[in-house]
Amino acid sequence: MSAEQRGVNGRRSRAAVEALVAEYEASGLSRKLFCAGRGLAVATLDKYRIRVRQAAAAPRLLAVDVRPAVDVKAAASSSLALVLGNGRRIEIGDRIDAILLAELIGIAERA
């Protein structure tokens, strides 16, 4: 393991772990063969794969810029407007089901 792969505590950095997992997944090798070629325990690779998978599934925070509504008519018709980076706009009325809101957020994140 090179010096740039090590984190502060001497362990692999997050970037190094992600790169190792990506390399394994692209290799087409069995876990045993991949690990043998790198002097890595299979259990360590498994731990890294779980860590990367969990990090990918974890909710990410998104910076939100809160500004007064420019379009007064649109502001009066909805309680919340979500404007995506690509210009798409989602307007939500004053009564919305929490499950529906979660679905909308999921769709917006994948857009």
PDB file of N, CA and C in Angstrom:
ATOM      1  N   MET A   1       0.855  -1.171   0.000  1.00  0.00           N
ATOM      2  CA  MET A   1       0.000   0.000   0.000  1.00  0.00           C
ATOM      3  C   MET A   1       0.898   1.231   0.000  1.00  0.00           C
ATOM      4  N   SER A   2       0.698   2.129  -0.949  1.00  0.00           N
ATOM      5  CA  SER A   2       1.542   3.317  -1.041  1.00  0.00           C
ATOM      6  C   SER A   2       1.141   4.355   0.000  1.00  0.00           C
ATOM      7  N   ALA A   3       1.993   5.340   0.210  1.00  0.00           N
ATOM      8  CA  ALA A   3       1.756   6.364   1.232  1.00  0.00           C
ATOM      9  C   ALA A   3       0.492   7.168   0.939  1.00  0.00           C
ATOM     10  N   GLU A   4       0.207   7.442  -0.351  1.00  0.00           N
ATOM     11  CA  GLU A   4      -0.981   8.233  -0.657  1.00  0.00           C
ATOM     12  C   GLU A   4      -2.277   7.447  -0.468  1.00  0.00           C
ATOM     13  N   GLN A   5      -2.176   6.117  -0.386  1.00  0.00           N
ATOM     14  CA  GLN A   5      -3.357   5.299  -0.145  1.00  0.00           C
ATOM     15  C   GLN A   5      -3.709   5.228   1.337  1.00  0.00           C
ATOM     16  N   ARG A   6      -2.762   5.562   2.195  1.00  0.00           N
ATOM     17  CA  ARG A   6      -2.988   5.467   3.635  1.00  0.00           C
ATOM     18  C   ARG A   6      -3.646   6.719   4.153  1.00  0.00           C
ATOM     19  N   GLY A   7      -4.591   6.539   5.055  1.00  0.00           N
ATOM     20  CA  GLY A   7      -5.226   7.665   5.716  1.00  0.00           C
ATOM     21  C   GLY A   7      -4.361   8.115   6.879  1.00  0.00           C
ATOM     22  N   VAL A   8      -4.902   8.969   7.706  1.00  0.00           N
ATOM     23  CA  VAL A   8      -4.185   9.518   8.856  1.00  0.00           C
ATOM     24  C   VAL A   8      -3.750   8.412   9.815  1.00  0.00           C
ATOM     25  N   ASN A   9      -4.586   7.402   9.985  1.00  0.00           N
ATOM     26  CA  ASN A   9      -4.304   6.342  10.954  1.00  0.00           C
ATOM     27  C   ASN A   9      -3.519   5.165  10.363  1.00  0.00           C
ATOM     28  N   GLY A  10      -2.971   5.312   9.170  1.00  0.00           N
ATOM     29  CA  GLY A  10      -2.180   4.253   8.563  1.00  0.00           C
ATOM     30  C   GLY A  10      -3.003   3.242   7.784  1.00  0.00           C
ATOM     31  N   ARG A  11      -4.304   3.400   7.794  1.00  0.00           N
ATOM     32  CA  ARG A  11      -5.184   2.504   7.039  1.00  0.00           C
ATOM     33  C   ARG A  11      -5.443   3.074   5.661  1.00  0.00           C
ATOM     34  N   ARG A  12      -6.060   2.261   4.814  1.00  0.00           N
ATOM     35  CA  ARG A  12      -6.388   2.735   3.469  1.00  0.00           C
ATOM     36  C   ARG A  12      -7.380   3.886   3.558  1.00  0.00           C
ATOM     37  N   SER A  13      -7.189   4.869   2.713  1.00  0.00           N
ATOM     38  CA  SER A  13      -8.112   6.002   2.666  1.00  0.00           C
ATOM     39  C   SER A  13      -9.418   5.552   2.014  1.00  0.00           C
ATOM     40  N   ARG A  14     -10.448   6.358   2.168  1.00  0.00           N
ATOM     41  CA  ARG A  14     -11.743   6.045   1.557  1.00  0.00           C
ATOM     42  C   ARG A  14     -11.598   5.919   0.046  1.00  0.00           C
ATOM     43  N   ALA A  15     -10.841   6.834  -0.554  1.00  0.00           N
ATOM     44  CA  ALA A  15     -10.644   6.797  -2.009  1.00  0.00           C
ATOM     45  C   ALA A  15      -9.922   5.516  -2.426  1.00  0.00           C
ATOM     46  N   ALA A  16      -8.933   5.095  -1.637  1.00  0.00           N
ATOM     47  CA  ALA A  16      -8.195   3.873  -1.955  1.00  0.00           C
ATOM     48  C   ALA A  16      -9.088   2.643  -1.836  1.00  0.00           C
ATOM     49  N   VAL A  17      -9.951   2.622  -0.828  1.00  0.00           N
ATOM     50  CA  VAL A  17     -10.884   1.506  -0.651  1.00  0.00           C
ATOM     51  C   VAL A  17     -11.853   1.451  -1.822  1.00  0.00           C
ATOM     52  N   GLU A  18     -12.406   2.608  -2.199  1.00  0.00           N
ATOM     53  CA  GLU A  18     -13.335   2.649  -3.330  1.00  0.00           C
ATOM     54  C   GLU A  18     -12.658   2.204  -4.620  1.00  0.00           C
ATOM     55  N   ALA A  19     -11.410   2.634  -4.827  1.00  0.00           N
ATOM     56  CA  ALA A  19     -10.669   2.244  -6.024  1.00  0.00           C
ATOM     57  C   ALA A  19     -10.395   0.739  -6.030  1.00  0.00           C
ATOM     58  N   LEU A  20     -10.062   0.180  -4.881  1.00  0.00           N
ATOM     59  CA  LEU A  20      -9.791  -1.251  -4.778  1.00  0.00           C
ATOM     60  C   LEU A  20     -11.044  -2.061  -5.095  1.00  0.00           C
ATOM     61  N   VAL A  21     -12.180  -1.645  -4.551  1.00  0.00           N
ATOM     62  CA  VAL A  21     -13.442  -2.344  -4.805  1.00  0.00           C
ATOM     63  C   VAL A  21     -13.812  -2.239  -6.282  1.00  0.00           C
ATOM     64  N   ALA A  22     -13.648  -1.064  -6.860  1.00  0.00           N
ATOM     65  CA  ALA A  22     -13.948  -0.885  -8.287  1.00  0.00           C
ATOM     66  C   ALA A  22     -13.036  -1.755  -9.146  1.00  0.00           C
ATOM     67  N   GLU A  23     -11.778  -1.837  -8.763  1.00  0.00           N
ATOM     68  CA  GLU A  23     -10.822  -2.675  -9.492  1.00  0.00           C
ATOM     69  C   GLU A  23     -11.228  -4.141  -9.410  1.00  0.00           C
ATOM     70  N   TYR A  24     -11.634  -4.585  -8.216  1.00  0.00           N
ATOM     71  CA  TYR A  24     -12.080  -5.969  -8.063  1.00  0.00           C
ATOM     72  C   TYR A  24     -13.301  -6.244  -8.942  1.00  0.00           C
ATOM     73  N   GLU A  25     -14.298  -5.358  -8.885  1.00  0.00           N
ATOM     74  CA  GLU A  25     -15.531  -5.579  -9.645  1.00  0.00           C
ATOM     75  C   GLU A  25     -15.288  -5.593 -11.146  1.00  0.00           C
ATOM     76  N   ALA A  26     -14.311  -4.824 -11.613  1.00  0.00           N
ATOM     77  CA  ALA A  26     -13.999  -4.785 -13.040  1.00  0.00           C
ATOM     78  C   ALA A  26     -13.096  -5.937 -13.468  1.00  0.00           C
ATOM     79  N   SER A  27     -12.448  -6.583 -12.501  1.00  0.00           N
ATOM     80  CA  SER A  27     -11.447  -7.605 -12.834  1.00  0.00           C
ATOM     81  C   SER A  27     -12.038  -8.894 -13.378  1.00  0.00           C
ATOM     82  N   GLY A  28     -13.225  -9.250 -12.932  1.00  0.00           N
ATOM     83  CA  GLY A  28     -13.812 -10.522 -13.354  1.00  0.00           C
ATOM     84  C   GLY A  28     -13.215 -11.719 -12.620  1.00  0.00           C
ATOM     85  N   LEU A  29     -12.320 -11.463 -11.682  1.00  0.00           N
ATOM     86  CA  LEU A  29     -11.689 -12.538 -10.916  1.00  0.00           C
ATOM     87  C   LEU A  29     -12.555 -12.918  -9.727  1.00  0.00           C
ATOM     88  N   SER A  30     -12.311 -14.114  -9.217  1.00  0.00           N
ATOM     89  CA  SER A  30     -12.953 -14.502  -7.971  1.00  0.00           C
ATOM     90  C   SER A  30     -12.336 -13.665  -6.851  1.00  0.00           C
ATOM     91  N   ARG A  31     -13.035 -13.583  -5.732  1.00  0.00           N
ATOM     92  CA  ARG A  31     -12.502 -12.819  -4.603  1.00  0.00           C
ATOM     93  C   ARG A  31     -11.166 -13.401  -4.159  1.00  0.00           C
ATOM     94  N   LYS A  32     -11.085 -14.708  -4.137  1.00  0.00           N
ATOM     95  CA  LYS A  32      -9.872 -15.374  -3.661  1.00  0.00           C
ATOM     96  C   LYS A  32      -8.673 -15.043  -4.551  1.00  0.00           C
ATOM     97  N   LEU A  33      -8.844 -15.137  -5.873  1.00  0.00           N
ATOM     98  CA  LEU A  33      -7.741 -14.840  -6.793  1.00  0.00           C
ATOM     99  C   LEU A  33      -7.347 -13.363  -6.751  1.00  0.00           C
ATOM    100  N   PHE A  34      -8.346 -12.497  -6.717  1.00  0.00           N
ATOM    101  CA  PHE A  34      -8.064 -11.061  -6.669  1.00  0.00           C
ATOM    102  C   PHE A  34      -7.250 -10.723  -5.420  1.00  0.00           C
ATOM    103  N   CYS A  35      -7.692 -11.234  -4.279  1.00  0.00           N
ATOM    104  CA  CYS A  35      -7.022 -10.931  -3.013  1.00  0.00           C
ATOM    105  C   CYS A  35      -5.620 -11.539  -2.959  1.00  0.00           C
ATOM    106  N   ALA A  36      -5.466 -12.742  -3.504  1.00  0.00           N
ATOM    107  CA  ALA A  36      -4.154 -13.388  -3.498  1.00  0.00           C
ATOM    108  C   ALA A  36      -3.143 -12.561  -4.290  1.00  0.00           C
ATOM    109  N   GLY A  37      -3.582 -11.960  -5.360  1.00  0.00           N
ATOM    110  CA  GLY A  37      -2.697 -11.146  -6.186  1.00  0.00           C
ATOM    111  C   GLY A  37      -2.288  -9.836  -5.535  1.00  0.00           C
ATOM    112  N   ARG A  38      -3.008  -9.433  -4.513  1.00  0.00           N
ATOM    113  CA  ARG A  38      -2.722  -8.158  -3.849  1.00  0.00           C
ATOM    114  C   ARG A  38      -2.319  -8.304  -2.393  1.00  0.00           C
ATOM    115  N   GLY A  39      -2.182  -9.549  -1.927  1.00  0.00           N
ATOM    116  CA  GLY A  39      -1.809  -9.770  -0.533  1.00  0.00           C
ATOM    117  C   GLY A  39      -2.869  -9.261   0.433  1.00  0.00           C
ATOM    118  N   LEU A  40      -4.101  -9.445   0.065  1.00  0.00           N
ATOM    119  CA  LEU A  40      -5.238  -8.924   0.817  1.00  0.00           C
ATOM    120  C   LEU A  40      -6.095 -10.083   1.286  1.00  0.00           C
ATOM    121  N   ALA A  41      -6.586 -10.023   2.499  1.00  0.00           N
ATOM    122  CA  ALA A  41      -7.474 -11.074   2.995  1.00  0.00           C
ATOM    123  C   ALA A  41      -8.845 -10.926   2.345  1.00  0.00           C
ATOM    124  N   VAL A  42      -9.475 -12.046   2.030  1.00  0.00           N
ATOM    125  CA  VAL A  42     -10.810 -12.033   1.426  1.00  0.00           C
ATOM    126  C   VAL A  42     -11.798 -11.310   2.353  1.00  0.00           C
ATOM    127  N   ALA A  43     -11.671 -11.548   3.652  1.00  0.00           N
ATOM    128  CA  ALA A  43     -12.561 -10.898   4.615  1.00  0.00           C
ATOM    129  C   ALA A  43     -12.410  -9.379   4.567  1.00  0.00           C
ATOM    130  N   THR A  44     -11.216  -8.890   4.311  1.00  0.00           N
ATOM    131  CA  THR A  44     -10.988  -7.448   4.211  1.00  0.00           C
ATOM    132  C   THR A  44     -11.674  -6.891   2.970  1.00  0.00           C
ATOM    133  N   LEU A  45     -11.538  -7.592   1.862  1.00  0.00           N
ATOM    134  CA  LEU A  45     -12.224  -7.168   0.639  1.00  0.00           C
ATOM    135  C   LEU A  45     -13.729  -7.151   0.856  1.00  0.00           C
ATOM    136  N   ASP A  46     -14.247  -8.184   1.503  1.00  0.00           N
ATOM    137  CA  ASP A  46     -15.685  -8.233   1.783  1.00  0.00           C
ATOM    138  C   ASP A  46     -16.123  -7.044   2.634  1.00  0.00           C
ATOM    139  N   LYS A  47     -15.317  -6.714   3.640  1.00  0.00           N
ATOM    140  CA  LYS A  47     -15.620  -5.569   4.507  1.00  0.00           C
ATOM    141  C   LYS A  47     -15.619  -4.274   3.684  1.00  0.00           C
ATOM    142  N   TYR A  48     -14.641  -4.129   2.807  1.00  0.00           N
ATOM    143  CA  TYR A  48     -14.561  -2.939   1.963  1.00  0.00           C
ATOM    144  C   TYR A  48     -15.761  -2.852   1.020  1.00  0.00           C
ATOM    145  N   ARG A  49     -16.166  -3.978   0.453  1.00  0.00           N
ATOM    146  CA  ARG A  49     -17.309  -3.990  -0.465  1.00  0.00           C
ATOM    147  C   ARG A  49     -18.582  -3.558   0.252  1.00  0.00           C
ATOM    148  N   ILE A  50     -18.770  -4.039   1.473  1.00  0.00           N
ATOM    149  CA  ILE A  50     -19.942  -3.649   2.267  1.00  0.00           C
ATOM    150  C   ILE A  50     -19.892  -2.158   2.564  1.00  0.00           C
ATOM    151  N   ARG A  51     -18.732  -1.665   2.957  1.00  0.00           N
ATOM    152  CA  ARG A  51     -18.564  -0.251   3.296  1.00  0.00           C
ATOM    153  C   ARG A  51     -18.887   0.639   2.094  1.00  0.00           C
ATOM    154  N   VAL A  52     -18.394   0.271   0.916  1.00  0.00           N
ATOM    155  CA  VAL A  52     -18.636   1.064  -0.292  1.00  0.00           C
ATOM    156  C   VAL A  52     -20.120   1.020  -0.659  1.00  0.00           C
ATOM    157  N   ARG A  53     -20.736  -0.160  -0.553  1.00  0.00           N
ATOM    158  CA  ARG A  53     -22.155  -0.314  -0.870  1.00  0.00           C
ATOM    159  C   ARG A  53     -23.008   0.539   0.081  1.00  0.00           C
ATOM    160  N   GLN A  54     -22.676   0.523   1.372  1.00  0.00           N
ATOM    161  CA  GLN A  54     -23.434   1.308   2.350  1.00  0.00           C
ATOM    162  C   GLN A  54     -23.254   2.807   2.116  1.00  0.00           C
ATOM    163  N   ALA A  55     -22.054   3.206   1.757  1.00  0.00           N
ATOM    164  CA  ALA A  55     -21.802   4.629   1.496  1.00  0.00           C
ATOM    165  C   ALA A  55     -22.597   5.104   0.289  1.00  0.00           C
ATOM    166  N   ALA A  56     -22.732   4.234  -0.718  1.00  0.00           N
ATOM    167  CA  ALA A  56     -23.484   4.597  -1.917  1.00  0.00           C
ATOM    168  C   ALA A  56     -24.973   4.704  -1.620  1.00  0.00           C
ATOM    169  N   ALA A  57     -25.451   3.906  -0.663  1.00  0.00           N
ATOM    170  CA  ALA A  57     -26.876   3.907  -0.334  1.00  0.00           C
ATOM    171  C   ALA A  57     -27.237   4.966   0.698  1.00  0.00           C
ATOM    172  N   ALA A  58     -26.233   5.524   1.371  1.00  0.00           N
ATOM    173  CA  ALA A  58     -26.501   6.498   2.431  1.00  0.00           C
ATOM    174  C   ALA A  58     -27.052   7.786   1.836  1.00  0.00           C
ATOM    175  N   PRO A  59     -27.994   8.404   2.529  1.00  0.00           N
ATOM    176  CA  PRO A  59     -28.518   9.675   2.019  1.00  0.00           C
ATOM    177  C   PRO A  59     -27.423  10.735   2.023  1.00  0.00           C
ATOM    178  N   ARG A  60     -27.411  11.533   0.988  1.00  0.00           N
ATOM    179  CA  ARG A  60     -26.424  12.599   0.877  1.00  0.00           C
ATOM    180  C   ARG A  60     -27.096  13.932   1.108  1.00  0.00           C
ATOM    181  N   LEU A  61     -26.379  14.831   1.726  1.00  0.00           N
ATOM    182  CA  LEU A  61     -26.916  16.165   1.948  1.00  0.00           C
ATOM    183  C   LEU A  61     -26.732  16.993   0.689  1.00  0.00           C
ATOM    184  N   LEU A  62     -27.665  17.847   0.453  1.00  0.00           N
ATOM    185  CA  LEU A  62     -27.649  18.688  -0.729  1.00  0.00           C
ATOM    186  C   LEU A  62     -27.779  20.140  -0.291  1.00  0.00           C
ATOM    187  N   ALA A  63     -26.907  20.972  -0.788  1.00  0.00           N
ATOM    188  CA  ALA A  63     -26.986  22.398  -0.464  1.00  0.00           C
ATOM    189  C   ALA A  63     -28.252  22.980  -1.082  1.00  0.00           C
ATOM    190  N   VAL A  64     -28.960  23.759  -0.320  1.00  0.00           N
ATOM    191  CA  VAL A  64     -30.203  24.368  -0.794  1.00  0.00           C
ATOM    192  C   VAL A  64     -30.084  25.866  -0.663  1.00  0.00           C
ATOM    193  N   ASP A  65     -30.408  26.566  -1.720  1.00  0.00           N
ATOM    194  CA  ASP A  65     -30.398  28.020  -1.723  1.00  0.00           C
ATOM    195  C   ASP A  65     -31.836  28.482  -1.543  1.00  0.00           C
ATOM    196  N   VAL A  66     -32.140  29.094  -0.417  1.00  0.00           N
ATOM    197  CA  VAL A  66     -33.498  29.541  -0.129  1.00  0.00           C
ATOM    198  C   VAL A  66     -33.600  31.017  -0.487  1.00  0.00           C
ATOM    199  N   ARG A  67     -34.494  31.307  -1.416  1.00  0.00           N
ATOM    200  CA  ARG A  67     -34.711  32.679  -1.874  1.00  0.00           C
ATOM    201  C   ARG A  67     -36.205  32.973  -1.874  1.00  0.00           C
ATOM    202  N   PRO A  68     -36.559  34.234  -1.776  1.00  0.00           N
ATOM    203  CA  PRO A  68     -37.979  34.569  -1.900  1.00  0.00           C
ATOM    204  C   PRO A  68     -38.477  34.202  -3.301  1.00  0.00           C
ATOM    205  N   ALA A  69     -39.728  33.811  -3.389  1.00  0.00           N
ATOM    206  CA  ALA A  69     -40.297  33.433  -4.682  1.00  0.00           C
ATOM    207  C   ALA A  69     -40.335  34.645  -5.608  1.00  0.00           C
ATOM    208  N   VAL A  70     -39.889  34.441  -6.849  1.00  0.00           N
ATOM    209  CA  VAL A  70     -39.923  35.512  -7.838  1.00  0.00           C
ATOM    210  C   VAL A  70     -41.309  35.589  -8.451  1.00  0.00           C
ATOM    211  N   ASP A  71     -41.881  34.433  -8.740  1.00  0.00           N
ATOM    212  CA  ASP A  71     -43.198  34.352  -9.349  1.00  0.00           C
ATOM    213  C   ASP A  71     -44.244  34.302  -8.237  1.00  0.00           C
ATOM    214  N   VAL A  72     -44.882  35.427  -7.957  1.00  0.00           N
ATOM    215  CA  VAL A  72     -45.843  35.511  -6.857  1.00  0.00           C
ATOM    216  C   VAL A  72     -47.026  34.595  -7.107  1.00  0.00           C
ATOM    217  N   LYS A  73     -47.482  34.469  -8.338  1.00  0.00           N
ATOM    218  CA  LYS A  73     -48.619  33.609  -8.675  1.00  0.00           C
ATOM    219  C   LYS A  73     -48.292  32.147  -8.369  1.00  0.00           C
ATOM    220  N   ALA A  74     -47.101  31.693  -8.761  1.00  0.00           N
ATOM    221  CA  ALA A  74     -46.688  30.307  -8.496  1.00  0.00           C
ATOM    222  C   ALA A  74     -46.505  30.090  -7.003  1.00  0.00           C
ATOM    223  N   ALA A  75     -46.000  31.086  -6.292  1.00  0.00           N
ATOM    224  CA  ALA A  75     -45.784  30.953  -4.855  1.00  0.00           C
ATOM    225  C   ALA A  75     -47.106  30.820  -4.122  1.00  0.00           C
ATOM    226  N   ALA A  76     -48.130  31.486  -4.601  1.00  0.00           N
ATOM    227  CA  ALA A  76     -49.432  31.414  -3.951  1.00  0.00           C
ATOM    228  C   ALA A  76     -50.085  30.060  -4.174  1.00  0.00           C
ATOM    229  N   SER A  77     -49.752  29.384  -5.279  1.00  0.00           N
ATOM    230  CA  SER A  77     -50.402  28.115  -5.603  1.00  0.00           C
ATOM    231  C   SER A  77     -49.709  26.913  -4.973  1.00  0.00           C
ATOM    232  N   SER A  78     -48.516  27.097  -4.413  1.00  0.00           N
ATOM    233  CA  SER A  78     -47.834  25.963  -3.794  1.00  0.00           C
ATOM    234  C   SER A  78     -47.081  26.420  -2.554  1.00  0.00           C
ATOM    235  N   SER A  79     -46.878  25.491  -1.655  1.00  0.00           N
ATOM    236  CA  SER A  79     -46.148  25.810  -0.437  1.00  0.00           C
ATOM    237  C   SER A  79     -44.658  25.592  -0.596  1.00  0.00           C
ATOM    238  N   LEU A  80     -44.278  24.762  -1.551  1.00  0.00           N
ATOM    239  CA  LEU A  80     -42.874  24.419  -1.737  1.00  0.00           C
ATOM    240  C   LEU A  80     -42.596  24.239  -3.222  1.00  0.00           C
ATOM    241  N   ALA A  81     -41.511  24.806  -3.685  1.00  0.00           N
ATOM    242  CA  ALA A  81     -41.085  24.611  -5.069  1.00  0.00           C
ATOM    243  C   ALA A  81     -39.641  24.135  -5.042  1.00  0.00           C
ATOM    244  N   LEU A  82     -39.378  23.016  -5.688  1.00  0.00           N
ATOM    245  CA  LEU A  82     -38.040  22.452  -5.781  1.00  0.00           C
ATOM    246  C   LEU A  82     -37.563  22.653  -7.211  1.00  0.00           C
ATOM    247  N   VAL A  83     -36.506  23.450  -7.386  1.00  0.00           N
ATOM    248  CA  VAL A  83     -35.968  23.717  -8.712  1.00  0.00           C
ATOM    249  C   VAL A  83     -34.669  22.940  -8.841  1.00  0.00           C
ATOM    250  N   LEU A  84     -34.635  22.013  -9.794  1.00  0.00           N
ATOM    251  CA  LEU A  84     -33.465  21.174 -10.002  1.00  0.00           C
ATOM    252  C   LEU A  84     -32.421  21.919 -10.824  1.00  0.00           C
ATOM    253  N   GLY A  85     -31.207  21.434 -10.789  1.00  0.00           N
ATOM    254  CA  GLY A  85     -30.108  22.065 -11.504  1.00  0.00           C
ATOM    255  C   GLY A  85     -30.342  22.151 -13.000  1.00  0.00           C
ATOM    256  N   ASN A  86     -31.106  21.210 -13.552  1.00  0.00           N
ATOM    257  CA  ASN A  86     -31.356  21.211 -14.992  1.00  0.00           C
ATOM    258  C   ASN A  86     -32.543  22.090 -15.373  1.00  0.00           C
ATOM    259  N   GLY A  87     -33.095  22.849 -14.383  1.00  0.00           N
ATOM    260  CA  GLY A  87     -34.189  23.766 -14.657  1.00  0.00           C
ATOM    261  C   GLY A  87     -35.571  23.184 -14.395  1.00  0.00           C
ATOM    262  N   ARG A  88     -35.661  21.895 -14.171  1.00  0.00           N
ATOM    263  CA  ARG A  88     -36.961  21.301 -13.857  1.00  0.00           C
ATOM    264  C   ARG A  88     -37.438  21.836 -12.511  1.00  0.00           C
ATOM    265  N   ARG A  89     -38.743  21.954 -12.382  1.00  0.00           N
ATOM    266  CA  ARG A  89     -39.329  22.533 -11.174  1.00  0.00           C
ATOM    267  C   ARG A  89     -40.431  21.612 -10.671  1.00  0.00           C
ATOM    268  N   ILE A  90     -40.411  21.331  -9.392  1.00  0.00           N
ATOM    269  CA  ILE A  90     -41.456  20.531  -8.757  1.00  0.00           C
ATOM    270  C   ILE A  90     -42.127  21.428  -7.738  1.00  0.00           C
ATOM    271  N   GLU A  91     -43.429  21.641  -7.907  1.00  0.00           N
ATOM    272  CA  GLU A  91     -44.184  22.453  -6.966  1.00  0.00           C
ATOM    273  C   GLU A  91     -45.093  21.547  -6.162  1.00  0.00           C
ATOM    274  N   ILE A  92     -45.104  21.767  -4.854  1.00  0.00           N
ATOM    275  CA  ILE A  92     -45.856  20.920  -3.945  1.00  0.00           C
ATOM    276  C   ILE A  92     -46.831  21.792  -3.175  1.00  0.00           C
ATOM    277  N   GLY A  93     -48.086  21.374  -3.144  1.00  0.00           N
ATOM    278  CA  GLY A  93     -49.115  22.116  -2.438  1.00  0.00           C
ATOM    279  C   GLY A  93     -48.936  22.061  -0.938  1.00  0.00           C
ATOM    280  N   ASP A  94     -49.818  22.747  -0.224  1.00  0.00           N
ATOM    281  CA  ASP A  94     -49.665  22.828   1.224  1.00  0.00           C
ATOM    282  C   ASP A  94     -50.011  21.518   1.927  1.00  0.00           C
ATOM    283  N   ARG A  95     -50.655  20.583   1.256  1.00  0.00           N
ATOM    284  CA  ARG A  95     -50.961  19.279   1.847  1.00  0.00           C
ATOM    285  C   ARG A  95     -50.338  18.203   0.962  1.00  0.00           C
ATOM    286  N   ILE A  96     -49.350  17.514   1.519  1.00  0.00           N
ATOM    287  CA  ILE A  96     -48.701  16.442   0.761  1.00  0.00           C
ATOM    288  C   ILE A  96     -48.395  15.294   1.706  1.00  0.00           C
ATOM    289  N   ASP A  97     -48.588  14.117   1.204  1.00  0.00           N
ATOM    290  CA  ASP A  97     -48.315  12.905   1.966  1.00  0.00           C
ATOM    291  C   ASP A  97     -46.806  12.718   2.085  1.00  0.00           C
ATOM    292  N   ALA A  98     -46.317  12.331   3.262  1.00  0.00           N
ATOM    293  CA  ALA A  98     -44.875  12.158   3.494  1.00  0.00           C
ATOM    294  C   ALA A  98     -44.289  11.101   2.564  1.00  0.00           C
ATOM    295  N   ILE A  99     -45.031  10.042   2.282  1.00  0.00           N
ATOM    296  CA  ILE A  99     -44.530   8.981   1.388  1.00  0.00           C
ATOM    297  C   ILE A  99     -44.371   9.521  -0.022  1.00  0.00           C
ATOM    298  N   LEU A 100     -45.349  10.293  -0.481  1.00  0.00           N
ATOM    299  CA  LEU A 100     -45.263  10.894  -1.806  1.00  0.00           C
ATOM    300  C   LEU A 100     -44.080  11.853  -1.894  1.00  0.00           C
ATOM    301  N   LEU A 101     -43.865  12.639  -0.839  1.00  0.00           N
ATOM    302  CA  LEU A 101     -42.725  13.553  -0.825  1.00  0.00           C
ATOM    303  C   LEU A 101     -41.413  12.783  -0.918  1.00  0.00           C
ATOM    304  N   ALA A 102     -41.296  11.676  -0.190  1.00  0.00           N
ATOM    305  CA  ALA A 102     -40.083  10.855  -0.254  1.00  0.00           C
ATOM    306  C   ALA A 102     -39.875  10.297  -1.656  1.00  0.00           C
ATOM    307  N   GLU A 103     -40.943   9.883  -2.311  1.00  0.00           N
ATOM    308  CA  GLU A 103     -40.840   9.378  -3.688  1.00  0.00           C
ATOM    309  C   GLU A 103     -40.378  10.481  -4.635  1.00  0.00           C
ATOM    310  N   LEU A 104     -40.926  11.680  -4.472  1.00  0.00           N
ATOM    311  CA  LEU A 104     -40.520  12.806  -5.320  1.00  0.00           C
ATOM    312  C   LEU A 104     -39.047  13.145  -5.134  1.00  0.00           C
ATOM    313  N   ILE A 105     -38.602  13.120  -3.900  1.00  0.00           N
ATOM    314  CA  ILE A 105     -37.192  13.400  -3.634  1.00  0.00           C
ATOM    315  C   ILE A 105     -36.310  12.339  -4.285  1.00  0.00           C
ATOM    316  N   GLY A 106     -36.709  11.072  -4.191  1.00  0.00           N
ATOM    317  CA  GLY A 106     -35.960   9.997  -4.833  1.00  0.00           C
ATOM    318  C   GLY A 106     -35.871  10.178  -6.333  1.00  0.00           C
ATOM    319  N   ILE A 107     -36.979  10.574  -6.946  1.00  0.00           N
ATOM    320  CA  ILE A 107     -37.002  10.813  -8.385  1.00  0.00           C
ATOM    321  C   ILE A 107     -36.091  11.987  -8.741  1.00  0.00           C
ATOM    322  N   ALA A 108     -36.152  13.051  -7.936  1.00  0.00           N
ATOM    323  CA  ALA A 108     -35.309  14.231  -8.184  1.00  0.00           C
ATOM    324  C   ALA A 108     -33.837  13.886  -8.068  1.00  0.00           C
ATOM    325  N   GLU A 109     -33.473  13.038  -7.122  1.00  0.00           N
ATOM    326  CA  GLU A 109     -32.077  12.656  -6.948  1.00  0.00           C
ATOM    327  C   GLU A 109     -31.560  11.846  -8.121  1.00  0.00           C
ATOM    328  N   ARG A 110     -32.424  11.069  -8.753  1.00  0.00           N
ATOM    329  CA  ARG A 110     -31.993  10.241  -9.896  1.00  0.00           C
ATOM    330  C   ARG A 110     -32.009  11.017 -11.206  1.00  0.00           C
ATOM    331  N   ALA A 111     -32.635  12.181 -11.214  1.00  0.00           N
ATOM    332  CA  ALA A 111     -32.765  12.965 -12.460  1.00  0.00           C
ATOM    333  C   ALA A 111     -31.446  13.567 -12.870  1.00  0.00           C
TER     334      ALA A 111
END
